[in-house]
Amino acid sequence: VHFCTEADFVFNLAGVNRPQNQDEFMQGNFGFASILLDTLKAH
């Protein structure tokens, strides 16, 4: 939250490429992206 409030530019490199099961692909690559963008939007 603090970083998203202060940032002037965001590099989103977070992601999953070797999960335990296939569902974690969407959770790790789409899920966190949603959290990041929602946090930027909220602030």
PDB file of all heavy atoms in Angstrom:
ATOM      1  N   VAL A   1       0.837  -1.204   0.000  1.00  0.00           N
ATOM      2  CA  VAL A   1       0.000   0.000   0.000  1.00  0.00           C
ATOM      3  C   VAL A   1       0.871   1.253   0.000  1.00  0.00           C
ATOM      4  O   VAL A   1       0.640   2.194  -0.772  1.00  0.00           O
ATOM      5  CB  VAL A   1      -0.942   0.003   1.223  1.00  0.00           C
ATOM      6  CG1 VAL A   1      -1.616   1.367   1.382  1.00  0.00           C
ATOM      7  CG2 VAL A   1      -1.983  -1.099   1.092  1.00  0.00           C
ATOM      8  N   HIS A   2       1.895   1.265   0.836  1.00  0.00           N
ATOM      9  CA  HIS A   2       2.795   2.419   0.904  1.00  0.00           C
ATOM     10  C   HIS A   2       3.509   2.627  -0.429  1.00  0.00           C
ATOM     11  O   HIS A   2       3.578   3.761  -0.936  1.00  0.00           O
ATOM     12  CB  HIS A   2       3.815   2.214   2.018  1.00  0.00           C
ATOM     13  CG  HIS A   2       4.917   3.242   2.016  1.00  0.00           C
ATOM     14  ND1 HIS A   2       4.707   4.579   2.293  1.00  0.00           N
ATOM     15  CD2 HIS A   2       6.249   3.107   1.733  1.00  0.00           C
ATOM     16  CE1 HIS A   2       5.859   5.233   2.194  1.00  0.00           C
ATOM     17  NE2 HIS A   2       6.799   4.362   1.852  1.00  0.00           N
ATOM     18  N   PHE A   3       4.017   1.537  -0.992  1.00  0.00           N
ATOM     19  CA  PHE A   3       4.742   1.639  -2.260  1.00  0.00           C
ATOM     20  C   PHE A   3       3.827   2.137  -3.380  1.00  0.00           C
ATOM     21  O   PHE A   3       4.222   2.973  -4.198  1.00  0.00           O
ATOM     22  CB  PHE A   3       5.342   0.286  -2.653  1.00  0.00           C
ATOM     23  CG  PHE A   3       6.383  -0.245  -1.701  1.00  0.00           C
ATOM     24  CD1 PHE A   3       6.694  -1.600  -1.668  1.00  0.00           C
ATOM     25  CD2 PHE A   3       7.068   0.616  -0.842  1.00  0.00           C
ATOM     26  CE1 PHE A   3       7.661  -2.089  -0.811  1.00  0.00           C
ATOM     27  CE2 PHE A   3       8.042   0.132   0.033  1.00  0.00           C
ATOM     28  CZ  PHE A   3       8.331  -1.232   0.042  1.00  0.00           C
ATOM     29  N   CYS A   4       2.601   1.608  -3.420  1.00  0.00           N
ATOM     30  CA  CYS A   4       1.649   2.014  -4.463  1.00  0.00           C
ATOM     31  C   CYS A   4       1.213   3.468  -4.295  1.00  0.00           C
ATOM     32  O   CYS A   4       0.840   4.125  -5.268  1.00  0.00           O
ATOM     33  CB  CYS A   4       0.427   1.102  -4.440  1.00  0.00           C
ATOM     34  SG  CYS A   4       0.728  -0.549  -5.134  1.00  0.00           S
ATOM     35  N   THR A   5       1.241   3.961  -3.085  1.00  0.00           N
ATOM     36  CA  THR A   5       0.895   5.361  -2.842  1.00  0.00           C
ATOM     37  C   THR A   5       1.989   6.295  -3.348  1.00  0.00           C
ATOM     38  O   THR A   5       1.711   7.360  -3.904  1.00  0.00           O
ATOM     39  CB  THR A   5       0.677   5.600  -1.337  1.00  0.00           C
ATOM     40  OG1 THR A   5      -0.341   4.712  -0.858  1.00  0.00           O
ATOM     41  CG2 THR A   5       0.242   7.040  -1.062  1.00  0.00           C
ATOM     42  N   GLU A   6       3.243   5.876  -3.192  1.00  0.00           N
ATOM     43  CA  GLU A   6       4.384   6.740  -3.481  1.00  0.00           C
ATOM     44  C   GLU A   6       4.944   6.604  -4.897  1.00  0.00           C
ATOM     45  O   GLU A   6       5.594   7.517  -5.408  1.00  0.00           O
ATOM     46  CB  GLU A   6       5.517   6.424  -2.493  1.00  0.00           C
ATOM     47  CG  GLU A   6       5.186   6.723  -1.031  1.00  0.00           C
ATOM     48  CD  GLU A   6       5.145   8.215  -0.761  1.00  0.00           C
ATOM     49  OE1 GLU A   6       5.963   8.946  -1.353  1.00  0.00           O
ATOM     50  OE2 GLU A   6       4.294   8.643   0.032  1.00  0.00           O
ATOM     51  N   ALA A   7       4.719   5.467  -5.557  1.00  0.00           N
ATOM     52  CA  ALA A   7       5.414   5.153  -6.805  1.00  0.00           C
ATOM     53  C   ALA A   7       5.057   6.109  -7.942  1.00  0.00           C
ATOM     54  O   ALA A   7       3.908   6.509  -8.113  1.00  0.00           O
ATOM     55  CB  ALA A   7       5.120   3.716  -7.215  1.00  0.00           C
ATOM     56  N   ASP A   8       6.081   6.409  -8.744  1.00  0.00           N
ATOM     57  CA  ASP A   8       5.898   7.183  -9.976  1.00  0.00           C
ATOM     58  C   ASP A   8       5.918   6.280 -11.211  1.00  0.00           C
ATOM     59  O   ASP A   8       5.579   6.720 -12.316  1.00  0.00           O
ATOM     60  CB  ASP A   8       7.017   8.224 -10.121  1.00  0.00           C
ATOM     61  CG  ASP A   8       7.031   9.217  -8.976  1.00  0.00           C
ATOM     62  OD1 ASP A   8       5.986   9.832  -8.714  1.00  0.00           O
ATOM     63  OD2 ASP A   8       8.100   9.358  -8.327  1.00  0.00           O
ATOM     64  N   PHE A   9       6.346   5.037 -11.023  1.00  0.00           N
ATOM     65  CA  PHE A   9       6.386   4.055 -12.110  1.00  0.00           C
ATOM     66  C   PHE A   9       6.415   2.680 -11.456  1.00  0.00           C
ATOM     67  O   PHE A   9       7.099   2.483 -10.444  1.00  0.00           O
ATOM     68  CB  PHE A   9       7.626   4.251 -12.984  1.00  0.00           C
ATOM     69  CG  PHE A   9       7.569   3.547 -14.311  1.00  0.00           C
ATOM     70  CD1 PHE A   9       7.382   4.266 -15.480  1.00  0.00           C
ATOM     71  CD2 PHE A   9       7.708   2.163 -14.404  1.00  0.00           C
ATOM     72  CE1 PHE A   9       7.331   3.624 -16.716  1.00  0.00           C
ATOM     73  CE2 PHE A   9       7.653   1.516 -15.625  1.00  0.00           C
ATOM     74  CZ  PHE A   9       7.464   2.243 -16.793  1.00  0.00           C
ATOM     75  N   VAL A  10       5.680   1.723 -12.042  1.00  0.00           N
ATOM     76  CA  VAL A  10       5.621   0.369 -11.488  1.00  0.00           C
ATOM     77  C   VAL A  10       6.069  -0.644 -12.536  1.00  0.00           C
ATOM     78  O   VAL A  10       5.560  -0.654 -13.663  1.00  0.00           O
ATOM     79  CB  VAL A  10       4.198   0.008 -11.015  1.00  0.00           C
ATOM     80  CG1 VAL A  10       4.155  -1.439 -10.509  1.00  0.00           C
ATOM     81  CG2 VAL A  10       3.730   0.961  -9.932  1.00  0.00           C
ATOM     82  N   PHE A  11       7.032  -1.481 -12.154  1.00  0.00           N
ATOM     83  CA  PHE A  11       7.411  -2.647 -12.945  1.00  0.00           C
ATOM     84  C   PHE A  11       6.813  -3.867 -12.254  1.00  0.00           C
ATOM     85  O   PHE A  11       7.277  -4.253 -11.173  1.00  0.00           O
ATOM     86  CB  PHE A  11       8.932  -2.799 -13.018  1.00  0.00           C
ATOM     87  CG  PHE A  11       9.633  -1.767 -13.852  1.00  0.00           C
ATOM     88  CD1 PHE A  11      10.297  -0.714 -13.250  1.00  0.00           C
ATOM     89  CD2 PHE A  11       9.633  -1.856 -15.240  1.00  0.00           C
ATOM     90  CE1 PHE A  11      10.964   0.234 -14.015  1.00  0.00           C
ATOM     91  CE2 PHE A  11      10.292  -0.912 -16.009  1.00  0.00           C
ATOM     92  CZ  PHE A  11      10.956   0.141 -15.411  1.00  0.00           C
ATOM     93  N   ASN A  12       5.813  -4.480 -12.863  1.00  0.00           N
ATOM     94  CA  ASN A  12       5.210  -5.665 -12.258  1.00  0.00           C
ATOM     95  C   ASN A  12       5.833  -6.918 -12.855  1.00  0.00           C
ATOM     96  O   ASN A  12       5.476  -7.360 -13.944  1.00  0.00           O
ATOM     97  CB  ASN A  12       3.693  -5.687 -12.474  1.00  0.00           C
ATOM     98  CG  ASN A  12       3.061  -6.920 -11.838  1.00  0.00           C
ATOM     99  OD1 ASN A  12       3.487  -7.363 -10.773  1.00  0.00           O
ATOM    100  ND2 ASN A  12       2.071  -7.493 -12.498  1.00  0.00           N
ATOM    101  N   LEU A  13       6.802  -7.469 -12.134  1.00  0.00           N
ATOM    102  CA  LEU A  13       7.512  -8.666 -12.571  1.00  0.00           C
ATOM    103  C   LEU A  13       7.092  -9.897 -11.779  1.00  0.00           C
ATOM    104  O   LEU A  13       7.607 -10.995 -12.021  1.00  0.00           O
ATOM    105  CB  LEU A  13       9.030  -8.458 -12.423  1.00  0.00           C
ATOM    106  CG  LEU A  13       9.608  -7.201 -13.083  1.00  0.00           C
ATOM    107  CD1 LEU A  13      11.092  -7.071 -12.768  1.00  0.00           C
ATOM    108  CD2 LEU A  13       9.385  -7.222 -14.586  1.00  0.00           C
ATOM    109  N   ALA A  14       6.181  -9.716 -10.827  1.00  0.00           N
ATOM    110  CA  ALA A  14       5.742 -10.829  -9.985  1.00  0.00           C
ATOM    111  C   ALA A  14       4.948 -11.827 -10.822  1.00  0.00           C
ATOM    112  O   ALA A  14       4.168 -11.447 -11.702  1.00  0.00           O
ATOM    113  CB  ALA A  14       4.892 -10.305  -8.831  1.00  0.00           C
ATOM    114  N   GLY A  15       5.139 -13.093 -10.550  1.00  0.00           N
ATOM    115  CA  GLY A  15       4.397 -14.107 -11.287  1.00  0.00           C
ATOM    116  C   GLY A  15       4.807 -15.506 -10.874  1.00  0.00           C
ATOM    117  O   GLY A  15       5.759 -15.700 -10.104  1.00  0.00           O
ATOM    118  N   VAL A  16       4.069 -16.481 -11.399  1.00  0.00           N
ATOM    119  CA  VAL A  16       4.310 -17.896 -11.102  1.00  0.00           C
ATOM    120  C   VAL A  16       4.554 -18.617 -12.416  1.00  0.00           C
ATOM    121  O   VAL A  16       3.789 -18.452 -13.375  1.00  0.00           O
ATOM    122  CB  VAL A  16       3.095 -18.519 -10.379  1.00  0.00           C
ATOM    123  CG1 VAL A  16       3.277 -20.022 -10.222  1.00  0.00           C
ATOM    124  CG2 VAL A  16       2.895 -17.865  -9.022  1.00  0.00           C
ATOM    125  N   ASN A  17       5.623 -19.411 -12.495  1.00  0.00           N
ATOM    126  CA  ASN A  17       5.847 -20.186 -13.721  1.00  0.00           C
ATOM    127  C   ASN A  17       6.112 -21.663 -13.460  1.00  0.00           C
ATOM    128  O   ASN A  17       6.197 -22.442 -14.395  1.00  0.00           O
ATOM    129  CB  ASN A  17       6.980 -19.582 -14.559  1.00  0.00           C
ATOM    130  CG  ASN A  17       8.221 -19.295 -13.745  1.00  0.00           C
ATOM    131  OD1 ASN A  17       8.534 -20.023 -12.806  1.00  0.00           O
ATOM    132  ND2 ASN A  17       8.919 -18.224 -14.091  1.00  0.00           N
ATOM    133  N   ARG A  18       6.256 -22.059 -12.211  1.00  0.00           N
ATOM    134  CA  ARG A  18       6.441 -23.474 -11.886  1.00  0.00           C
ATOM    135  C   ARG A  18       5.600 -23.826 -10.651  1.00  0.00           C
ATOM    136  O   ARG A  18       6.133 -24.157  -9.596  1.00  0.00           O
ATOM    137  CB  ARG A  18       7.910 -23.769 -11.611  1.00  0.00           C
ATOM    138  CG  ARG A  18       8.778 -23.948 -12.857  1.00  0.00           C
ATOM    139  CD  ARG A  18       8.426 -25.227 -13.594  1.00  0.00           C
ATOM    140  NE  ARG A  18       9.311 -25.462 -14.740  1.00  0.00           N
ATOM    141  CZ  ARG A  18      10.418 -26.186 -14.699  1.00  0.00           C
ATOM    142  NH1 ARG A  18      10.793 -26.739 -13.556  1.00  0.00           N
ATOM    143  NH2 ARG A  18      11.140 -26.369 -15.777  1.00  0.00           N
ATOM    144  N   PRO A  19       4.253 -23.790 -10.784  1.00  0.00           N
ATOM    145  CA  PRO A  19       3.411 -24.045  -9.606  1.00  0.00           C
ATOM    146  C   PRO A  19       3.267 -25.544  -9.316  1.00  0.00           C
ATOM    147  O   PRO A  19       3.620 -26.397 -10.136  1.00  0.00           O
ATOM    148  CB  PRO A  19       2.061 -23.459 -10.032  1.00  0.00           C
ATOM    149  CG  PRO A  19       2.025 -23.696 -11.510  1.00  0.00           C
ATOM    150  CD  PRO A  19       3.457 -23.510 -11.982  1.00  0.00           C
ATOM    151  N   GLN A  20       2.719 -25.838  -8.131  1.00  0.00           N
ATOM    152  CA  GLN A  20       2.447 -27.218  -7.771  1.00  0.00           C
ATOM    153  C   GLN A  20       1.282 -27.774  -8.592  1.00  0.00           C
ATOM    154  O   GLN A  20       1.254 -28.940  -8.949  1.00  0.00           O
ATOM    155  CB  GLN A  20       2.114 -27.317  -6.270  1.00  0.00           C
ATOM    156  CG  GLN A  20       3.284 -26.983  -5.351  1.00  0.00           C
ATOM    157  CD  GLN A  20       4.405 -27.998  -5.455  1.00  0.00           C
ATOM    158  OE1 GLN A  20       4.159 -29.201  -5.548  1.00  0.00           O
ATOM    159  NE2 GLN A  20       5.643 -27.528  -5.453  1.00  0.00           N
ATOM    160  N   ASN A  21       0.282 -26.923  -8.871  1.00  0.00           N
ATOM    161  CA  ASN A  21      -0.833 -27.339  -9.719  1.00  0.00           C
ATOM    162  C   ASN A  21      -1.211 -26.214 -10.667  1.00  0.00           C
ATOM    163  O   ASN A  21      -0.859 -25.055 -10.460  1.00  0.00           O
ATOM    164  CB  ASN A  21      -2.048 -27.765  -8.872  1.00  0.00           C
ATOM    165  CG  ASN A  21      -2.526 -26.638  -7.965  1.00  0.00           C
ATOM    166  OD1 ASN A  21      -3.113 -25.656  -8.442  1.00  0.00           O
ATOM    167  ND2 ASN A  21      -2.292 -26.772  -6.656  1.00  0.00           N
ATOM    168  N   GLN A  22      -1.938 -26.539 -11.727  1.00  0.00           N
ATOM    169  CA  GLN A  22      -2.237 -25.609 -12.808  1.00  0.00           C
ATOM    170  C   GLN A  22      -3.032 -24.384 -12.352  1.00  0.00           C
ATOM    171  O   GLN A  22      -2.890 -23.295 -12.905  1.00  0.00           O
ATOM    172  CB  GLN A  22      -3.021 -26.337 -13.911  1.00  0.00           C
ATOM    173  CG  GLN A  22      -2.242 -27.468 -14.571  1.00  0.00           C
ATOM    174  CD  GLN A  22      -1.120 -26.963 -15.459  1.00  0.00           C
ATOM    175  OE1 GLN A  22      -1.330 -26.184 -16.364  1.00  0.00           O
ATOM    176  NE2 GLN A  22       0.098 -27.411 -15.177  1.00  0.00           N
ATOM    177  N   ASP A  23      -3.879 -24.551 -11.312  1.00  0.00           N
ATOM    178  CA  ASP A  23      -4.700 -23.428 -10.842  1.00  0.00           C
ATOM    179  C   ASP A  23      -3.845 -22.270 -10.335  1.00  0.00           C
ATOM    180  O   ASP A  23      -4.275 -21.107 -10.360  1.00  0.00           O
ATOM    181  CB  ASP A  23      -5.643 -23.888  -9.719  1.00  0.00           C
ATOM    182  CG  ASP A  23      -6.675 -24.892 -10.218  1.00  0.00           C
ATOM    183  OD1 ASP A  23      -6.901 -24.911 -11.459  1.00  0.00           O
ATOM    184  OD2 ASP A  23      -7.236 -25.626  -9.393  1.00  0.00           O
ATOM    185  N   GLU A  24      -2.649 -22.573  -9.857  1.00  0.00           N
ATOM    186  CA  GLU A  24      -1.794 -21.532  -9.291  1.00  0.00           C
ATOM    187  C   GLU A  24      -1.275 -20.571 -10.357  1.00  0.00           C
ATOM    188  O   GLU A  24      -0.845 -19.466 -10.031  1.00  0.00           O
ATOM    189  CB  GLU A  24      -0.626 -22.178  -8.534  1.00  0.00           C
ATOM    190  CG  GLU A  24      -1.049 -22.928  -7.284  1.00  0.00           C
ATOM    191  CD  GLU A  24       0.130 -23.583  -6.576  1.00  0.00           C
ATOM    192  OE1 GLU A  24       1.241 -23.007  -6.628  1.00  0.00           O
ATOM    193  OE2 GLU A  24      -0.046 -24.665  -6.009  1.00  0.00           O
ATOM    194  N   PHE A  25      -1.313 -20.976 -11.623  1.00  0.00           N
ATOM    195  CA  PHE A  25      -0.924 -20.053 -12.688  1.00  0.00           C
ATOM    196  C   PHE A  25      -1.809 -18.813 -12.660  1.00  0.00           C
ATOM    197  O   PHE A  25      -1.331 -17.679 -12.632  1.00  0.00           O
ATOM    198  CB  PHE A  25      -1.049 -20.725 -14.059  1.00  0.00           C
ATOM    199  CG  PHE A  25       0.147 -21.529 -14.463  1.00  0.00           C
ATOM    200  CD1 PHE A  25      -0.004 -22.809 -14.970  1.00  0.00           C
ATOM    201  CD2 PHE A  25       1.429 -20.994 -14.383  1.00  0.00           C
ATOM    202  CE1 PHE A  25       1.101 -23.557 -15.372  1.00  0.00           C
ATOM    203  CE2 PHE A  25       2.544 -21.732 -14.782  1.00  0.00           C
ATOM    204  CZ  PHE A  25       2.369 -23.015 -15.273  1.00  0.00           C
ATOM    205  N   MET A  26      -3.120 -19.041 -12.665  1.00  0.00           N
ATOM    206  CA  MET A  26      -4.060 -17.921 -12.706  1.00  0.00           C
ATOM    207  C   MET A  26      -4.006 -17.129 -11.411  1.00  0.00           C
ATOM    208  O   MET A  26      -4.032 -15.893 -11.421  1.00  0.00           O
ATOM    209  CB  MET A  26      -5.479 -18.441 -12.962  1.00  0.00           C
ATOM    210  CG  MET A  26      -6.449 -17.351 -13.371  1.00  0.00           C
ATOM    211  SD  MET A  26      -6.016 -16.549 -14.950  1.00  0.00           S
ATOM    212  CE  MET A  26      -6.356 -17.855 -16.134  1.00  0.00           C
ATOM    213  N   GLN A  27      -3.888 -17.835 -10.296  1.00  0.00           N
ATOM    214  CA  GLN A  27      -3.826 -17.152  -9.008  1.00  0.00           C
ATOM    215  C   GLN A  27      -2.576 -16.280  -8.899  1.00  0.00           C
ATOM    216  O   GLN A  27      -2.640 -15.129  -8.462  1.00  0.00           O
ATOM    217  CB  GLN A  27      -3.847 -18.186  -7.871  1.00  0.00           C
ATOM    218  CG  GLN A  27      -3.754 -17.566  -6.479  1.00  0.00           C
ATOM    219  CD  GLN A  27      -3.699 -18.625  -5.391  1.00  0.00           C
ATOM    220  OE1 GLN A  27      -3.993 -19.792  -5.631  1.00  0.00           O
ATOM    221  NE2 GLN A  27      -3.312 -18.228  -4.200  1.00  0.00           N
ATOM    222  N   GLY A  28      -1.439 -16.805  -9.326  1.00  0.00           N
ATOM    223  CA  GLY A  28      -0.189 -16.067  -9.180  1.00  0.00           C
ATOM    224  C   GLY A  28       0.015 -14.981 -10.213  1.00  0.00           C
ATOM    225  O   GLY A  28       0.568 -13.924  -9.914  1.00  0.00           O
ATOM    226  N   ASN A  29      -0.447 -15.223 -11.454  1.00  0.00           N
ATOM    227  CA  ASN A  29      -0.186 -14.273 -12.532  1.00  0.00           C
ATOM    228  C   ASN A  29      -1.323 -13.282 -12.740  1.00  0.00           C
ATOM    229  O   ASN A  29      -1.084 -12.129 -13.087  1.00  0.00           O
ATOM    230  CB  ASN A  29       0.094 -15.031 -13.842  1.00  0.00           C
ATOM    231  CG  ASN A  29       1.378 -15.832 -13.767  1.00  0.00           C
ATOM    232  OD1 ASN A  29       2.351 -15.399 -13.164  1.00  0.00           O
ATOM    233  ND2 ASN A  29       1.388 -17.016 -14.347  1.00  0.00           N
ATOM    234  N   PHE A  30      -2.555 -13.723 -12.543  1.00  0.00           N
ATOM    235  CA  PHE A  30      -3.702 -12.819 -12.689  1.00  0.00           C
ATOM    236  C   PHE A  30      -4.110 -12.239 -11.344  1.00  0.00           C
ATOM    237  O   PHE A  30      -4.414 -11.057 -11.222  1.00  0.00           O
ATOM    238  CB  PHE A  30      -4.875 -13.565 -13.331  1.00  0.00           C
ATOM    239  CG  PHE A  30      -6.109 -12.731 -13.497  1.00  0.00           C
ATOM    240  CD1 PHE A  30      -6.236 -11.873 -14.576  1.00  0.00           C
ATOM    241  CD2 PHE A  30      -7.138 -12.800 -12.573  1.00  0.00           C
ATOM    242  CE1 PHE A  30      -7.376 -11.091 -14.729  1.00  0.00           C
ATOM    243  CE2 PHE A  30      -8.282 -12.030 -12.709  1.00  0.00           C
ATOM    244  CZ  PHE A  30      -8.395 -11.174 -13.802  1.00  0.00           C
ATOM    245  N   GLY A  31      -4.062 -13.104 -10.310  1.00  0.00           N
ATOM    246  CA  GLY A  31      -4.543 -12.681  -8.990  1.00  0.00           C
ATOM    247  C   GLY A  31      -3.761 -11.523  -8.411  1.00  0.00           C
ATOM    248  O   GLY A  31      -4.342 -10.516  -7.983  1.00  0.00           O
ATOM    249  N   PHE A  32      -2.430 -11.629  -8.398  1.00  0.00           N
ATOM    250  CA  PHE A  32      -1.634 -10.539  -7.824  1.00  0.00           C
ATOM    251  C   PHE A  32      -1.737  -9.280  -8.669  1.00  0.00           C
ATOM    252  O   PHE A  32      -1.757  -8.167  -8.131  1.00  0.00           O
ATOM    253  CB  PHE A  32      -0.166 -10.933  -7.678  1.00  0.00           C
ATOM    254  CG  PHE A  32       0.673  -9.803  -7.151  1.00  0.00           C
ATOM    255  CD1 PHE A  32       0.651  -9.481  -5.801  1.00  0.00           C
ATOM    256  CD2 PHE A  32       1.450  -9.030  -8.004  1.00  0.00           C
ATOM    257  CE1 PHE A  32       1.391  -8.413  -5.303  1.00  0.00           C
ATOM    258  CE2 PHE A  32       2.202  -7.965  -7.524  1.00  0.00           C
ATOM    259  CZ  PHE A  32       2.166  -7.655  -6.168  1.00  0.00           C
ATOM    260  N   ALA A  33      -1.820  -9.447 -10.000  1.00  0.00           N
ATOM    261  CA  ALA A  33      -1.980  -8.276 -10.869  1.00  0.00           C
ATOM    262  C   ALA A  33      -3.234  -7.498 -10.495  1.00  0.00           C
ATOM    263  O   ALA A  33      -3.231  -6.255 -10.456  1.00  0.00           O
ATOM    264  CB  ALA A  33      -2.033  -8.710 -12.330  1.00  0.00           C
ATOM    265  N   SER A  34      -4.308  -8.221 -10.160  1.00  0.00           N
ATOM    266  CA  SER A  34      -5.552  -7.560  -9.742  1.00  0.00           C
ATOM    267  C   SER A  34      -5.362  -6.795  -8.443  1.00  0.00           C
ATOM    268  O   SER A  34      -5.817  -5.653  -8.299  1.00  0.00           O
ATOM    269  CB  SER A  34      -6.665  -8.602  -9.568  1.00  0.00           C
ATOM    270  OG  SER A  34      -6.911  -9.301 -10.764  1.00  0.00           O
ATOM    271  N   ILE A  35      -4.657  -7.423  -7.502  1.00  0.00           N
ATOM    272  CA  ILE A  35      -4.404  -6.766  -6.209  1.00  0.00           C
ATOM    273  C   ILE A  35      -3.577  -5.503  -6.410  1.00  0.00           C
ATOM    274  O   ILE A  35      -3.877  -4.445  -5.837  1.00  0.00           O
ATOM    275  CB  ILE A  35      -3.685  -7.735  -5.261  1.00  0.00           C
ATOM    276  CG1 ILE A  35      -4.601  -8.905  -4.889  1.00  0.00           C
ATOM    277  CG2 ILE A  35      -3.184  -7.012  -4.010  1.00  0.00           C
ATOM    278  CD1 ILE A  35      -3.912 -10.018  -4.132  1.00  0.00           C
ATOM    279  N   LEU A  36      -2.549  -5.601  -7.240  1.00  0.00           N
ATOM    280  CA  LEU A  36      -1.677  -4.455  -7.493  1.00  0.00           C
ATOM    281  C   LEU A  36      -2.457  -3.292  -8.101  1.00  0.00           C
ATOM    282  O   LEU A  36      -2.377  -2.148  -7.620  1.00  0.00           O
ATOM    283  CB  LEU A  36      -0.541  -4.874  -8.433  1.00  0.00           C
ATOM    284  CG  LEU A  36       0.375  -3.750  -8.933  1.00  0.00           C
ATOM    285  CD1 LEU A  36       1.180  -3.151  -7.778  1.00  0.00           C
ATOM    286  CD2 LEU A  36       1.310  -4.267 -10.025  1.00  0.00           C
ATOM    287  N   LEU A  37      -3.227  -3.568  -9.139  1.00  0.00           N
ATOM    288  CA  LEU A  37      -3.962  -2.500  -9.821  1.00  0.00           C
ATOM    289  C   LEU A  37      -5.067  -1.923  -8.933  1.00  0.00           C
ATOM    290  O   LEU A  37      -5.303  -0.704  -8.940  1.00  0.00           O
ATOM    291  CB  LEU A  37      -4.548  -3.023 -11.134  1.00  0.00           C
ATOM    292  CG  LEU A  37      -3.513  -3.493 -12.177  1.00  0.00           C
ATOM    293  CD1 LEU A  37      -4.217  -3.958 -13.449  1.00  0.00           C
ATOM    294  CD2 LEU A  37      -2.510  -2.403 -12.494  1.00  0.00           C
ATOM    295  N   ASP A  38      -5.711  -2.780  -8.163  1.00  0.00           N
ATOM    296  CA  ASP A  38      -6.741  -2.290  -7.230  1.00  0.00           C
ATOM    297  C   ASP A  38      -6.129  -1.373  -6.177  1.00  0.00           C
ATOM    298  O   ASP A  38      -6.736  -0.369  -5.770  1.00  0.00           O
ATOM    299  CB  ASP A  38      -7.452  -3.459  -6.555  1.00  0.00           C
ATOM    300  CG  ASP A  38      -8.412  -4.187  -7.494  1.00  0.00           C
ATOM    301  OD1 ASP A  38      -8.751  -3.604  -8.553  1.00  0.00           O
ATOM    302  OD2 ASP A  38      -8.815  -5.316  -7.161  1.00  0.00           O
ATOM    303  N   THR A  39      -4.933  -1.703  -5.722  1.00  0.00           N
ATOM    304  CA  THR A  39      -4.257  -0.878  -4.713  1.00  0.00           C
ATOM    305  C   THR A  39      -3.874   0.479  -5.295  1.00  0.00           C
ATOM    306  O   THR A  39      -4.043   1.519  -4.657  1.00  0.00           O
ATOM    307  CB  THR A  39      -3.010  -1.604  -4.175  1.00  0.00           C
ATOM    308  OG1 THR A  39      -3.366  -2.906  -3.711  1.00  0.00           O
ATOM    309  CG2 THR A  39      -2.387  -0.821  -3.027  1.00  0.00           C
ATOM    310  N   LEU A  40      -3.357   0.479  -6.512  1.00  0.00           N
ATOM    311  CA  LEU A  40      -3.041   1.748  -7.174  1.00  0.00           C
ATOM    312  C   LEU A  40      -4.298   2.595  -7.348  1.00  0.00           C
ATOM    313  O   LEU A  40      -4.300   3.802  -7.096  1.00  0.00           O
ATOM    314  CB  LEU A  40      -2.392   1.480  -8.542  1.00  0.00           C
ATOM    315  CG  LEU A  40      -0.969   0.928  -8.542  1.00  0.00           C
ATOM    316  CD1 LEU A  40      -0.589   0.437  -9.937  1.00  0.00           C
ATOM    317  CD2 LEU A  40       0.036   1.992  -8.067  1.00  0.00           C
ATOM    318  N   LYS A  41      -5.372   1.923  -7.777  1.00  0.00           N
ATOM    319  CA  LYS A  41      -6.623   2.630  -8.027  1.00  0.00           C
ATOM    320  C   LYS A  41      -7.194   3.209  -6.728  1.00  0.00           C
ATOM    321  O   LYS A  41      -7.685   4.350  -6.700  1.00  0.00           O
ATOM    322  CB  LYS A  41      -7.635   1.676  -8.657  1.00  0.00           C
ATOM    323  CG  LYS A  41      -8.872   2.368  -9.230  1.00  0.00           C
ATOM    324  CD  LYS A  41      -9.928   1.362  -9.665  1.00  0.00           C
ATOM    325  CE  LYS A  41      -9.370   0.366 -10.677  1.00  0.00           C
ATOM    326  NZ  LYS A  41     -10.441  -0.570 -11.144  1.00  0.00           N
ATOM    327  N   ALA A  42      -7.111   2.433  -5.646  1.00  0.00           N
ATOM    328  CA  ALA A  42      -7.661   2.889  -4.362  1.00  0.00           C
ATOM    329  C   ALA A  42      -6.969   4.152  -3.870  1.00  0.00           C
ATOM    330  O   ALA A  42      -7.573   4.958  -3.150  1.00  0.00           O
ATOM    331  CB  ALA A  42      -7.540   1.767  -3.330  1.00  0.00           C
ATOM    332  N   HIS A  43      -5.720   4.322  -4.238  1.00  0.00           N
ATOM    333  CA  HIS A  43      -4.959   5.490  -3.788  1.00  0.00           C
ATOM    334  C   HIS A  43      -4.779   6.513  -4.904  1.00  0.00           C
ATOM    335  O   HIS A  43      -3.936   7.392  -4.827  1.00  0.00           O
ATOM    336  CB  HIS A  43      -3.601   5.045  -3.222  1.00  0.00           C
ATOM    337  CG  HIS A  43      -3.747   4.248  -1.964  1.00  0.00           C
ATOM    338  ND1 HIS A  43      -3.986   2.891  -1.967  1.00  0.00           N
ATOM    339  CD2 HIS A  43      -3.736   4.625  -0.656  1.00  0.00           C
ATOM    340  CE1 HIS A  43      -4.093   2.446  -0.723  1.00  0.00           C
ATOM    341  NE2 HIS A  43      -3.943   3.482   0.096  1.00  0.00           N
TER     342      HIS A  43
END
